[in-house]
Amino acid sequence: MKKITIVFLALALSFYSCKKADIKAENKAETTKEISDLSIYNLPSKWTTQDGNNIELKSLRGNVLVMVMIYTSCKAACPRLVADMRDIESKLNKKYKQNVKLILVSIDPKTDTPERLKSFAIENQMNQAPWIFLRSTEENTREFAAVLAVNYKKISPIDFSHSNIISVFNPEGELIFQQEGLGVNNEKTIEVINQEAGKI
């Protein structure tokens, strides 16, 4: 009886190891999958978070990304965009929320240091997952804005005119949806995010 139990246990462990190896292989295949030409993960730019961590966009791969470009000293459109992003967060499916990153990218990296982004995040109760604030060089910011079709222009030392666009990217970094305007109906945006996040 004891011998049978040991044999059964050995077989079970062997099956478990194989299963574990299969899962590892699947996960590795996903992360080594070639990045498409349409992916933002091709951009080599480096970014800094509100916590002072340096990242590349490809480190966010595997998540649905919801991105908006703002600047923290903005008194007009940006507070509305932040409110729109918060509204989107409140409507995310709780089952899939861990698969979503809500990202605010600064168009004014000179003013928006990591410290400034951090205090803005704290002031707005957005200093926790799934929120991420990013800044980079002016050149990288301009390049990234072009990818999102966001236009912005400095109109005074502290003011910018800019597009009001919220962009949704699939886990492979491909742009799949954009919401344009302030305080617009976001039902379709939520539907797209939840649908993509549910596939992960």
N, C-alpha and C. Protein backbone atom coordinates (compact mmCIF):
# COMPACT_ATOMS: atom_id res chain seq x y z
N MET A 1 0.84 -1.20 0.00
CA MET A 1 0.00 0.00 0.00
C MET A 1 0.88 1.26 0.00
N LYS A 2 1.91 1.22 0.88
CA LYS A 2 2.82 2.36 1.00
C LYS A 2 3.53 2.61 -0.33
N LYS A 3 3.92 1.50 -0.99
CA LYS A 3 4.63 1.59 -2.27
C LYS A 3 3.74 2.23 -3.33
N ILE A 4 2.45 1.85 -3.35
CA ILE A 4 1.49 2.40 -4.32
C ILE A 4 1.33 3.91 -4.10
N THR A 5 1.23 4.29 -2.84
CA THR A 5 1.08 5.71 -2.49
C THR A 5 2.28 6.52 -2.98
N ILE A 6 3.49 5.99 -2.76
CA ILE A 6 4.71 6.69 -3.18
C ILE A 6 4.75 6.81 -4.70
N VAL A 7 4.40 5.75 -5.41
CA VAL A 7 4.38 5.76 -6.87
C VAL A 7 3.37 6.80 -7.37
N PHE A 8 2.19 6.82 -6.75
CA PHE A 8 1.14 7.76 -7.14
C PHE A 8 1.60 9.21 -6.91
N LEU A 9 2.23 9.44 -5.77
CA LEU A 9 2.74 10.76 -5.41
C LEU A 9 3.80 11.22 -6.42
N ALA A 10 4.69 10.31 -6.76
CA ALA A 10 5.75 10.62 -7.73
C ALA A 10 5.15 10.99 -9.09
N LEU A 11 4.13 10.24 -9.51
CA LEU A 11 3.46 10.51 -10.78
C LEU A 11 2.76 11.88 -10.76
N ALA A 12 2.11 12.16 -9.62
CA ALA A 12 1.39 13.43 -9.47
C ALA A 12 2.36 14.60 -9.53
N LEU A 13 3.50 14.46 -8.84
CA LEU A 13 4.50 15.54 -8.84
C LEU A 13 5.09 15.74 -10.23
N SER A 14 5.31 14.63 -10.91
CA SER A 14 5.86 14.69 -12.25
C SER A 14 4.88 15.40 -13.19
N PHE A 15 3.58 15.08 -13.05
CA PHE A 15 2.55 15.73 -13.87
C PHE A 15 2.50 17.22 -13.57
N TYR A 16 2.58 17.57 -12.26
CA TYR A 16 2.53 18.97 -11.82
C TYR A 16 3.72 19.75 -12.40
N SER A 17 4.91 19.12 -12.38
CA SER A 17 6.12 19.77 -12.92
C SER A 17 5.97 20.04 -14.41
N CYS A 18 5.42 19.05 -15.12
CA CYS A 18 5.21 19.21 -16.56
C CYS A 18 4.23 20.34 -16.84
N LYS A 19 3.14 20.35 -16.05
CA LYS A 19 2.11 21.37 -16.21
C LYS A 19 2.71 22.76 -15.96
N LYS A 20 3.53 22.84 -14.89
CA LYS A 20 4.18 24.11 -14.52
C LYS A 20 5.11 24.56 -15.65
N ALA A 21 5.84 23.61 -16.23
CA ALA A 21 6.76 23.92 -17.33
C ALA A 21 5.99 24.42 -18.54
N ASP A 22 4.80 23.81 -18.80
CA ASP A 22 3.96 24.24 -19.92
C ASP A 22 3.50 25.68 -19.73
N ILE A 23 3.06 26.00 -18.49
CA ILE A 23 2.59 27.36 -18.18
C ILE A 23 3.73 28.35 -18.36
N LYS A 24 4.93 27.98 -17.85
CA LYS A 24 6.11 28.86 -17.98
C LYS A 24 6.43 29.10 -19.46
N ALA A 25 6.36 28.03 -20.24
CA ALA A 25 6.66 28.12 -21.67
C ALA A 25 5.65 29.03 -22.37
N GLU A 26 4.35 28.89 -21.98
CA GLU A 26 3.31 29.73 -22.56
C GLU A 26 3.57 31.21 -22.25
N ASN A 27 3.87 31.49 -20.97
CA ASN A 27 4.13 32.87 -20.55
C ASN A 27 5.34 33.46 -21.27
N LYS A 28 6.40 32.61 -21.43
CA LYS A 28 7.61 33.06 -22.11
C LYS A 28 7.30 33.36 -23.58
N ALA A 29 6.48 32.50 -24.18
CA ALA A 29 6.11 32.71 -25.59
C ALA A 29 5.38 34.03 -25.76
N GLU A 30 4.53 34.38 -24.77
CA GLU A 30 3.79 35.63 -24.85
C GLU A 30 4.73 36.84 -24.78
N THR A 31 5.68 36.79 -23.85
CA THR A 31 6.57 37.95 -23.67
C THR A 31 7.62 38.04 -24.77
N THR A 32 7.94 36.92 -25.43
CA THR A 32 8.94 36.97 -26.50
C THR A 32 8.28 37.14 -27.87
N LYS A 33 6.94 37.21 -27.90
CA LYS A 33 6.21 37.43 -29.14
C LYS A 33 6.69 38.75 -29.76
N GLU A 34 6.86 38.74 -31.06
CA GLU A 34 7.38 39.93 -31.73
C GLU A 34 6.42 41.11 -31.59
N ILE A 35 7.00 42.28 -31.34
CA ILE A 35 6.20 43.50 -31.22
C ILE A 35 5.83 43.98 -32.62
N SER A 36 4.54 44.29 -32.84
CA SER A 36 4.10 44.71 -34.17
C SER A 36 4.61 46.11 -34.50
N ASP A 37 4.61 46.43 -35.79
CA ASP A 37 5.08 47.74 -36.25
C ASP A 37 4.22 48.88 -35.71
N LEU A 38 2.98 48.56 -35.32
CA LEU A 38 2.05 49.58 -34.87
C LEU A 38 2.11 49.82 -33.36
N SER A 39 3.01 49.13 -32.68
CA SER A 39 3.06 49.19 -31.21
C SER A 39 3.91 50.36 -30.69
N ILE A 40 3.43 50.99 -29.62
CA ILE A 40 4.22 52.05 -28.97
C ILE A 40 5.45 51.46 -28.28
N TYR A 41 5.47 50.12 -28.13
CA TYR A 41 6.62 49.49 -27.47
C TYR A 41 7.87 49.48 -28.36
N ASN A 42 7.73 49.95 -29.60
CA ASN A 42 8.90 50.14 -30.47
C ASN A 42 9.65 51.42 -30.13
N LEU A 43 8.97 52.34 -29.42
CA LEU A 43 9.62 53.60 -29.07
C LEU A 43 10.72 53.34 -28.05
N PRO A 44 11.94 53.80 -28.32
CA PRO A 44 13.05 53.51 -27.40
C PRO A 44 13.15 54.49 -26.23
N SER A 45 12.23 55.47 -26.20
CA SER A 45 12.32 56.54 -25.19
C SER A 45 12.25 56.03 -23.75
N LYS A 46 12.96 56.74 -22.88
CA LYS A 46 12.95 56.45 -21.44
C LYS A 46 12.03 57.47 -20.76
N TRP A 47 11.32 57.00 -19.74
CA TRP A 47 10.37 57.84 -19.01
C TRP A 47 10.62 57.72 -17.52
N THR A 48 10.21 58.74 -16.78
CA THR A 48 10.35 58.71 -15.32
C THR A 48 8.97 58.81 -14.69
N THR A 49 8.71 57.97 -13.70
CA THR A 49 7.41 57.97 -13.01
C THR A 49 7.40 59.00 -11.90
N GLN A 50 6.23 59.17 -11.29
CA GLN A 50 6.12 60.11 -10.16
C GLN A 50 6.95 59.66 -8.96
N ASP A 51 7.35 58.39 -8.95
CA ASP A 51 8.19 57.87 -7.86
C ASP A 51 9.68 57.96 -8.19
N GLY A 52 9.99 58.55 -9.34
CA GLY A 52 11.39 58.70 -9.73
C GLY A 52 11.98 57.47 -10.37
N ASN A 53 11.14 56.48 -10.72
CA ASN A 53 11.63 55.26 -11.37
C ASN A 53 11.74 55.50 -12.88
N ASN A 54 12.87 55.07 -13.46
CA ASN A 54 13.06 55.19 -14.91
C ASN A 54 12.55 53.93 -15.59
N ILE A 55 11.67 54.11 -16.57
CA ILE A 55 11.10 52.95 -17.27
C ILE A 55 11.10 53.19 -18.78
N GLU A 56 10.96 52.09 -19.52
CA GLU A 56 10.67 52.16 -20.95
C GLU A 56 9.21 51.75 -21.09
N LEU A 57 8.56 52.23 -22.11
CA LEU A 57 7.13 51.93 -22.28
C LEU A 57 6.89 50.42 -22.36
N LYS A 58 7.84 49.69 -22.94
CA LYS A 58 7.64 48.24 -23.11
C LYS A 58 7.54 47.48 -21.78
N SER A 59 7.96 48.14 -20.68
CA SER A 59 7.82 47.48 -19.37
C SER A 59 6.35 47.40 -18.96
N LEU A 60 5.48 48.12 -19.67
CA LEU A 60 4.03 48.11 -19.37
C LEU A 60 3.30 47.09 -20.23
N ARG A 61 4.04 46.40 -21.08
CA ARG A 61 3.44 45.41 -21.99
C ARG A 61 2.65 44.36 -21.22
N GLY A 62 1.53 43.96 -21.80
CA GLY A 62 0.70 42.94 -21.15
C GLY A 62 -0.49 43.55 -20.41
N ASN A 63 -0.53 44.89 -20.36
CA ASN A 63 -1.66 45.60 -19.73
C ASN A 63 -2.42 46.40 -20.78
N VAL A 64 -3.69 46.65 -20.50
CA VAL A 64 -4.43 47.62 -21.31
C VAL A 64 -4.03 48.99 -20.77
N LEU A 65 -3.59 49.88 -21.65
CA LEU A 65 -3.16 51.21 -21.23
C LEU A 65 -4.20 52.25 -21.64
N VAL A 66 -4.56 53.09 -20.68
CA VAL A 66 -5.47 54.20 -20.95
C VAL A 66 -4.65 55.46 -20.68
N MET A 67 -4.38 56.24 -21.73
CA MET A 67 -3.42 57.34 -21.60
C MET A 67 -4.02 58.68 -21.98
N VAL A 68 -3.57 59.70 -21.24
CA VAL A 68 -3.96 61.08 -21.55
C VAL A 68 -2.74 61.97 -21.33
N MET A 69 -2.63 63.03 -22.13
CA MET A 69 -1.53 63.97 -21.97
C MET A 69 -2.05 65.25 -21.32
N ILE A 70 -1.41 65.64 -20.22
CA ILE A 70 -1.83 66.82 -19.45
C ILE A 70 -0.59 67.58 -18.99
N TYR A 71 -0.79 68.67 -18.25
CA TYR A 71 0.31 69.28 -17.50
C TYR A 71 -0.27 69.77 -16.18
N THR A 72 0.49 69.65 -15.11
CA THR A 72 -0.07 69.82 -13.77
C THR A 72 -0.45 71.24 -13.41
N SER A 73 0.14 72.25 -14.09
CA SER A 73 -0.21 73.64 -13.75
C SER A 73 -1.42 74.14 -14.55
N CYS A 74 -1.99 73.28 -15.37
CA CYS A 74 -3.15 73.63 -16.19
C CYS A 74 -4.37 73.87 -15.31
N LYS A 75 -5.08 74.95 -15.61
CA LYS A 75 -6.27 75.29 -14.82
C LYS A 75 -7.56 75.13 -15.61
N ALA A 76 -7.45 74.87 -16.90
CA ALA A 76 -8.66 74.81 -17.74
C ALA A 76 -9.06 73.38 -18.09
N ALA A 77 -8.49 72.86 -19.19
CA ALA A 77 -8.92 71.55 -19.70
C ALA A 77 -8.43 70.37 -18.86
N CYS A 78 -7.20 70.45 -18.34
CA CYS A 78 -6.61 69.28 -17.66
C CYS A 78 -7.41 68.78 -16.45
N PRO A 79 -7.91 69.68 -15.59
CA PRO A 79 -8.73 69.16 -14.48
C PRO A 79 -9.94 68.36 -14.97
N ARG A 80 -10.49 68.79 -16.13
CA ARG A 80 -11.62 68.05 -16.72
C ARG A 80 -11.16 66.69 -17.24
N LEU A 81 -9.97 66.66 -17.86
CA LEU A 81 -9.43 65.39 -18.36
C LEU A 81 -9.14 64.43 -17.21
N VAL A 82 -8.61 64.97 -16.12
CA VAL A 82 -8.35 64.15 -14.92
C VAL A 82 -9.68 63.60 -14.40
N ALA A 83 -10.71 64.44 -14.37
CA ALA A 83 -12.04 63.99 -13.91
C ALA A 83 -12.58 62.90 -14.84
N ASP A 84 -12.35 63.05 -16.15
CA ASP A 84 -12.80 62.02 -17.11
C ASP A 84 -12.07 60.69 -16.87
N MET A 85 -10.78 60.78 -16.59
CA MET A 85 -10.00 59.56 -16.30
C MET A 85 -10.49 58.90 -15.01
N ARG A 86 -10.80 59.71 -14.02
CA ARG A 86 -11.31 59.16 -12.75
C ARG A 86 -12.67 58.49 -12.96
N ASP A 87 -13.48 59.10 -13.83
CA ASP A 87 -14.80 58.53 -14.13
C ASP A 87 -14.64 57.18 -14.83
N ILE A 88 -13.67 57.11 -15.75
CA ILE A 88 -13.38 55.83 -16.43
C ILE A 88 -12.97 54.78 -15.40
N GLU A 89 -12.06 55.17 -14.49
CA GLU A 89 -11.61 54.21 -13.46
C GLU A 89 -12.78 53.68 -12.65
N SER A 90 -13.71 54.56 -12.29
CA SER A 90 -14.84 54.15 -11.44
C SER A 90 -15.77 53.16 -12.13
N LYS A 91 -15.70 53.10 -13.47
CA LYS A 91 -16.60 52.22 -14.22
C LYS A 91 -15.90 50.96 -14.74
N LEU A 92 -14.63 50.78 -14.40
CA LEU A 92 -13.91 49.58 -14.85
C LEU A 92 -14.47 48.34 -14.16
N ASN A 93 -14.51 47.24 -14.90
CA ASN A 93 -14.95 45.97 -14.33
C ASN A 93 -13.93 45.55 -13.26
N LYS A 94 -14.40 45.37 -12.03
CA LYS A 94 -13.49 45.06 -10.91
C LYS A 94 -12.69 43.78 -11.12
N LYS A 95 -13.27 42.84 -11.88
CA LYS A 95 -12.57 41.57 -12.14
C LYS A 95 -11.32 41.77 -12.99
N TYR A 96 -11.35 42.79 -13.87
CA TYR A 96 -10.26 42.97 -14.82
C TYR A 96 -9.39 44.19 -14.53
N LYS A 97 -9.73 44.93 -13.48
CA LYS A 97 -9.06 46.20 -13.20
C LYS A 97 -7.54 46.06 -13.04
N GLN A 98 -7.10 44.90 -12.51
CA GLN A 98 -5.65 44.72 -12.31
C GLN A 98 -4.91 44.59 -13.64
N ASN A 99 -5.65 44.45 -14.75
CA ASN A 99 -5.03 44.35 -16.08
C ASN A 99 -4.97 45.69 -16.80
N VAL A 100 -5.33 46.77 -16.09
CA VAL A 100 -5.41 48.10 -16.70
C VAL A 100 -4.46 49.07 -16.00
N LYS A 101 -3.78 49.90 -16.78
CA LYS A 101 -2.96 50.98 -16.23
C LYS A 101 -3.52 52.31 -16.75
N LEU A 102 -3.78 53.23 -15.84
CA LEU A 102 -4.27 54.56 -16.20
C LEU A 102 -3.09 55.53 -16.12
N ILE A 103 -2.70 56.08 -17.26
CA ILE A 103 -1.43 56.80 -17.34
C ILE A 103 -1.63 58.25 -17.77
N LEU A 104 -1.04 59.16 -16.99
CA LEU A 104 -1.08 60.58 -17.31
C LEU A 104 0.33 61.01 -17.69
N VAL A 105 0.48 61.48 -18.92
CA VAL A 105 1.79 61.85 -19.46
C VAL A 105 1.90 63.37 -19.52
N SER A 106 2.95 63.92 -18.95
CA SER A 106 3.11 65.38 -18.92
C SER A 106 3.62 65.93 -20.25
N ILE A 107 2.98 67.02 -20.70
CA ILE A 107 3.47 67.71 -21.90
C ILE A 107 4.39 68.87 -21.50
N ASP A 108 4.62 69.02 -20.19
CA ASP A 108 5.49 70.10 -19.68
C ASP A 108 6.55 69.52 -18.75
N PRO A 109 7.49 68.72 -19.33
CA PRO A 109 8.48 68.05 -18.47
C PRO A 109 9.39 68.99 -17.69
N LYS A 110 9.52 70.23 -18.19
CA LYS A 110 10.37 71.20 -17.49
C LYS A 110 9.79 71.51 -16.10
N THR A 111 8.50 71.75 -16.04
CA THR A 111 7.83 72.05 -14.77
C THR A 111 7.48 70.78 -14.00
N ASP A 112 7.02 69.78 -14.75
CA ASP A 112 6.53 68.55 -14.11
C ASP A 112 7.66 67.57 -13.81
N THR A 113 8.41 67.92 -12.78
CA THR A 113 9.46 67.02 -12.28
C THR A 113 8.78 65.83 -11.61
N PRO A 114 9.51 64.75 -11.34
CA PRO A 114 8.90 63.63 -10.61
C PRO A 114 8.28 64.08 -9.28
N GLU A 115 8.95 65.01 -8.60
CA GLU A 115 8.43 65.50 -7.31
C GLU A 115 7.09 66.21 -7.49
N ARG A 116 7.02 67.03 -8.56
CA ARG A 116 5.76 67.75 -8.83
C ARG A 116 4.65 66.77 -9.20
N LEU A 117 4.99 65.77 -10.03
CA LEU A 117 4.00 64.75 -10.40
C LEU A 117 3.52 63.98 -9.18
N LYS A 118 4.46 63.70 -8.30
CA LYS A 118 4.12 62.95 -7.07
C LYS A 118 3.13 63.75 -6.22
N SER A 119 3.41 65.03 -6.01
CA SER A 119 2.52 65.83 -5.17
C SER A 119 1.15 66.01 -5.85
N PHE A 120 1.15 66.12 -7.18
CA PHE A 120 -0.12 66.21 -7.93
C PHE A 120 -0.91 64.92 -7.77
N ALA A 121 -0.21 63.79 -7.86
CA ALA A 121 -0.87 62.47 -7.69
C ALA A 121 -1.48 62.35 -6.29
N ILE A 122 -0.74 62.79 -5.28
CA ILE A 122 -1.23 62.72 -3.89
C ILE A 122 -2.43 63.65 -3.70
N GLU A 123 -2.30 64.89 -4.20
CA GLU A 123 -3.40 65.87 -4.10
C GLU A 123 -4.69 65.32 -4.70
N ASN A 124 -4.56 64.58 -5.80
CA ASN A 124 -5.74 64.07 -6.51
C ASN A 124 -6.09 62.63 -6.16
N GLN A 125 -5.45 62.11 -5.08
CA GLN A 125 -5.68 60.73 -4.61
C GLN A 125 -5.51 59.72 -5.76
N MET A 126 -4.41 59.91 -6.51
CA MET A 126 -4.12 59.03 -7.64
C MET A 126 -2.70 58.47 -7.52
N ASN A 127 -2.22 58.37 -6.29
CA ASN A 127 -0.85 57.89 -6.10
C ASN A 127 -0.81 56.40 -5.74
N GLN A 128 -1.63 55.62 -6.41
CA GLN A 128 -1.66 54.18 -6.19
C GLN A 128 -2.12 53.51 -7.50
N ALA A 129 -1.97 52.17 -7.56
CA ALA A 129 -2.42 51.45 -8.75
C ALA A 129 -3.91 51.72 -8.94
N PRO A 130 -4.37 51.84 -10.18
CA PRO A 130 -3.66 51.62 -11.44
C PRO A 130 -3.07 52.90 -12.06
N TRP A 131 -2.87 53.96 -11.25
CA TRP A 131 -2.41 55.24 -11.79
C TRP A 131 -0.90 55.30 -11.93
N ILE A 132 -0.45 55.86 -13.07
CA ILE A 132 0.98 56.10 -13.29
C ILE A 132 1.11 57.48 -13.94
N PHE A 133 2.05 58.28 -13.44
CA PHE A 133 2.36 59.58 -14.06
C PHE A 133 3.74 59.45 -14.70
N LEU A 134 3.86 59.98 -15.92
CA LEU A 134 5.13 59.87 -16.66
C LEU A 134 5.59 61.22 -17.20
N ARG A 135 6.91 61.38 -17.24
CA ARG A 135 7.53 62.54 -17.89
C ARG A 135 8.79 62.05 -18.60
N SER A 136 9.20 62.81 -19.62
CA SER A 136 10.44 62.47 -20.33
C SER A 136 11.07 63.76 -20.83
N THR A 137 11.93 63.65 -21.83
CA THR A 137 12.52 64.85 -22.41
C THR A 137 11.46 65.51 -23.31
N GLU A 138 11.71 66.75 -23.68
CA GLU A 138 10.76 67.44 -24.57
C GLU A 138 10.68 66.74 -25.93
N GLU A 139 11.80 66.23 -26.39
CA GLU A 139 11.85 65.52 -27.68
C GLU A 139 11.01 64.23 -27.63
N ASN A 140 11.20 63.43 -26.58
CA ASN A 140 10.43 62.19 -26.43
C ASN A 140 8.94 62.48 -26.27
N THR A 141 8.64 63.54 -25.55
CA THR A 141 7.24 63.92 -25.31
C THR A 141 6.58 64.31 -26.63
N ARG A 142 7.29 65.08 -27.43
CA ARG A 142 6.78 65.52 -28.73
C ARG A 142 6.55 64.31 -29.65
N GLU A 143 7.49 63.38 -29.65
CA GLU A 143 7.38 62.17 -30.48
C GLU A 143 6.17 61.33 -30.04
N PHE A 144 6.01 61.20 -28.73
CA PHE A 144 4.91 60.40 -28.21
C PHE A 144 3.56 61.05 -28.51
N ALA A 145 3.50 62.37 -28.39
CA ALA A 145 2.27 63.11 -28.70
C ALA A 145 1.86 62.88 -30.16
N ALA A 146 2.86 62.83 -31.05
CA ALA A 146 2.58 62.61 -32.48
C ALA A 146 1.93 61.24 -32.69
N VAL A 147 2.39 60.23 -31.94
CA VAL A 147 1.82 58.88 -32.03
C VAL A 147 0.34 58.89 -31.61
N LEU A 148 0.03 59.69 -30.58
CA LEU A 148 -1.33 59.76 -30.06
C LEU A 148 -2.21 60.76 -30.82
N ALA A 149 -1.59 61.47 -31.80
CA ALA A 149 -2.28 62.54 -32.55
C ALA A 149 -2.72 63.66 -31.61
N VAL A 150 -1.91 63.89 -30.57
CA VAL A 150 -2.17 64.99 -29.64
C VAL A 150 -1.31 66.18 -30.06
N ASN A 151 -1.97 67.30 -30.32
CA ASN A 151 -1.24 68.53 -30.66
C ASN A 151 -1.17 69.41 -29.42
N TYR A 152 -0.01 69.99 -29.19
CA TYR A 152 0.09 70.95 -28.09
C TYR A 152 1.08 72.04 -28.45
N LYS A 153 0.85 73.21 -27.88
CA LYS A 153 1.68 74.37 -28.19
C LYS A 153 1.77 75.26 -26.96
N LYS A 154 2.97 75.73 -26.66
CA LYS A 154 3.17 76.64 -25.54
C LYS A 154 2.65 78.01 -25.94
N ILE A 155 1.74 78.55 -25.15
CA ILE A 155 1.19 79.86 -25.50
C ILE A 155 1.62 80.95 -24.50
N SER A 156 2.23 80.51 -23.39
CA SER A 156 2.82 81.45 -22.42
C SER A 156 3.79 80.63 -21.58
N PRO A 157 4.59 81.25 -20.71
CA PRO A 157 5.54 80.45 -19.92
C PRO A 157 4.88 79.34 -19.08
N ILE A 158 3.59 79.52 -18.76
CA ILE A 158 2.95 78.48 -17.93
C ILE A 158 1.71 77.86 -18.57
N ASP A 159 1.44 78.22 -19.82
CA ASP A 159 0.23 77.71 -20.46
C ASP A 159 0.48 77.04 -21.80
N PHE A 160 -0.30 75.98 -22.04
CA PHE A 160 -0.26 75.26 -23.31
C PHE A 160 -1.67 75.16 -23.85
N SER A 161 -1.80 75.21 -25.17
CA SER A 161 -3.07 74.79 -25.78
C SER A 161 -2.80 73.35 -26.22
N HIS A 162 -3.79 72.47 -26.06
CA HIS A 162 -3.55 71.05 -26.39
C HIS A 162 -4.84 70.31 -26.71
N SER A 163 -4.68 69.19 -27.42
CA SER A 163 -5.81 68.33 -27.73
C SER A 163 -6.29 67.62 -26.47
N ASN A 164 -7.58 67.33 -26.43
CA ASN A 164 -8.17 66.62 -25.29
C ASN A 164 -8.56 65.21 -25.74
N ILE A 165 -7.59 64.32 -25.71
CA ILE A 165 -7.80 62.96 -26.23
C ILE A 165 -7.36 61.93 -25.18
N ILE A 166 -8.23 60.96 -24.95
CA ILE A 166 -7.89 59.81 -24.09
C ILE A 166 -7.73 58.61 -25.03
N SER A 167 -6.57 57.96 -24.96
CA SER A 167 -6.24 56.86 -25.88
C SER A 167 -6.19 55.53 -25.15
N VAL A 168 -6.69 54.49 -25.82
CA VAL A 168 -6.68 53.13 -25.25
C VAL A 168 -5.79 52.24 -26.12
N PHE A 169 -4.85 51.55 -25.46
CA PHE A 169 -3.93 50.63 -26.15
C PHE A 169 -4.18 49.21 -25.67
N ASN A 170 -4.09 48.25 -26.59
CA ASN A 170 -4.24 46.84 -26.19
C ASN A 170 -2.95 46.36 -25.52
N PRO A 171 -2.92 45.13 -24.97
CA PRO A 171 -1.72 44.65 -24.25
C PRO A 171 -0.44 44.63 -25.09
N GLU A 172 -0.59 44.67 -26.43
CA GLU A 172 0.59 44.69 -27.30
C GLU A 172 1.01 46.11 -27.66
N GLY A 173 0.35 47.11 -27.04
CA GLY A 173 0.74 48.49 -27.27
C GLY A 173 0.22 49.11 -28.55
N GLU A 174 -0.84 48.50 -29.12
CA GLU A 174 -1.43 49.04 -30.35
C GLU A 174 -2.64 49.90 -29.99
N LEU A 175 -2.72 51.07 -30.60
CA LEU A 175 -3.83 51.98 -30.36
C LEU A 175 -5.12 51.38 -30.90
N ILE A 176 -6.13 51.24 -30.03
CA ILE A 176 -7.38 50.60 -30.49
C ILE A 176 -8.61 51.52 -30.36
N PHE A 177 -8.46 52.60 -29.59
CA PHE A 177 -9.63 53.48 -29.45
C PHE A 177 -9.19 54.84 -28.90
N GLN A 178 -9.91 55.90 -29.33
CA GLN A 178 -9.65 57.23 -28.77
C GLN A 178 -10.97 57.93 -28.46
N GLN A 179 -10.97 58.60 -27.32
CA GLN A 179 -12.12 59.40 -26.90
C GLN A 179 -11.68 60.86 -26.96
N GLU A 180 -12.40 61.68 -27.71
CA GLU A 180 -11.98 63.07 -27.87
C GLU A 180 -13.02 64.02 -27.28
N GLY A 181 -12.54 65.05 -26.58
CA GLY A 181 -13.43 66.04 -25.99
C GLY A 181 -13.40 65.96 -24.48
N LEU A 182 -14.13 66.87 -23.85
CA LEU A 182 -14.18 66.93 -22.38
C LEU A 182 -15.57 66.57 -21.90
N GLY A 183 -15.64 65.72 -20.89
CA GLY A 183 -16.94 65.36 -20.31
C GLY A 183 -17.86 64.66 -21.29
N VAL A 184 -17.28 63.97 -22.28
CA VAL A 184 -18.11 63.28 -23.29
C VAL A 184 -18.60 61.93 -22.76
N ASN A 185 -19.57 61.36 -23.44
CA ASN A 185 -20.09 60.04 -23.07
C ASN A 185 -18.96 59.01 -23.24
N ASN A 186 -18.64 58.30 -22.15
CA ASN A 186 -17.50 57.37 -22.22
C ASN A 186 -17.90 55.90 -22.23
N GLU A 187 -19.15 55.62 -22.54
CA GLU A 187 -19.62 54.22 -22.54
C GLU A 187 -18.80 53.33 -23.47
N LYS A 188 -18.54 53.82 -24.68
CA LYS A 188 -17.78 53.03 -25.66
C LYS A 188 -16.35 52.80 -25.17
N THR A 189 -15.75 53.84 -24.57
CA THR A 189 -14.39 53.74 -24.03
C THR A 189 -14.33 52.63 -22.98
N ILE A 190 -15.28 52.65 -22.04
CA ILE A 190 -15.34 51.65 -20.97
C ILE A 190 -15.51 50.25 -21.55
N GLU A 191 -16.39 50.15 -22.53
CA GLU A 191 -16.67 48.86 -23.17
C GLU A 191 -15.39 48.28 -23.79
N VAL A 192 -14.65 49.13 -24.51
CA VAL A 192 -13.41 48.69 -25.18
C VAL A 192 -12.37 48.25 -24.13
N ILE A 193 -12.21 49.06 -23.07
CA ILE A 193 -11.22 48.73 -22.02
C ILE A 193 -11.57 47.41 -21.34
N ASN A 194 -12.82 47.27 -20.91
CA ASN A 194 -13.22 46.05 -20.21
C ASN A 194 -13.11 44.81 -21.10
N GLN A 195 -13.45 45.00 -22.37
CA GLN A 195 -13.36 43.88 -23.33
C GLN A 195 -11.91 43.41 -23.48
N GLU A 196 -11.00 44.36 -23.67
CA GLU A 196 -9.58 44.02 -23.84
C GLU A 196 -8.98 43.44 -22.55
N ALA A 197 -9.31 44.07 -21.41
CA ALA A 197 -8.77 43.61 -20.13
C ALA A 197 -9.28 42.22 -19.78
N GLY A 198 -10.48 41.90 -20.22
CA GLY A 198 -11.07 40.58 -19.95
C GLY A 198 -10.40 39.46 -20.73
N LYS A 199 -9.65 39.80 -21.78
CA LYS A 199 -8.95 38.79 -22.60
C LYS A 199 -7.63 38.36 -21.98
N ILE A 200 -7.12 39.17 -21.03
CA ILE A 200 -5.78 38.90 -20.48
C ILE A 200 -5.83 37.74 -19.49
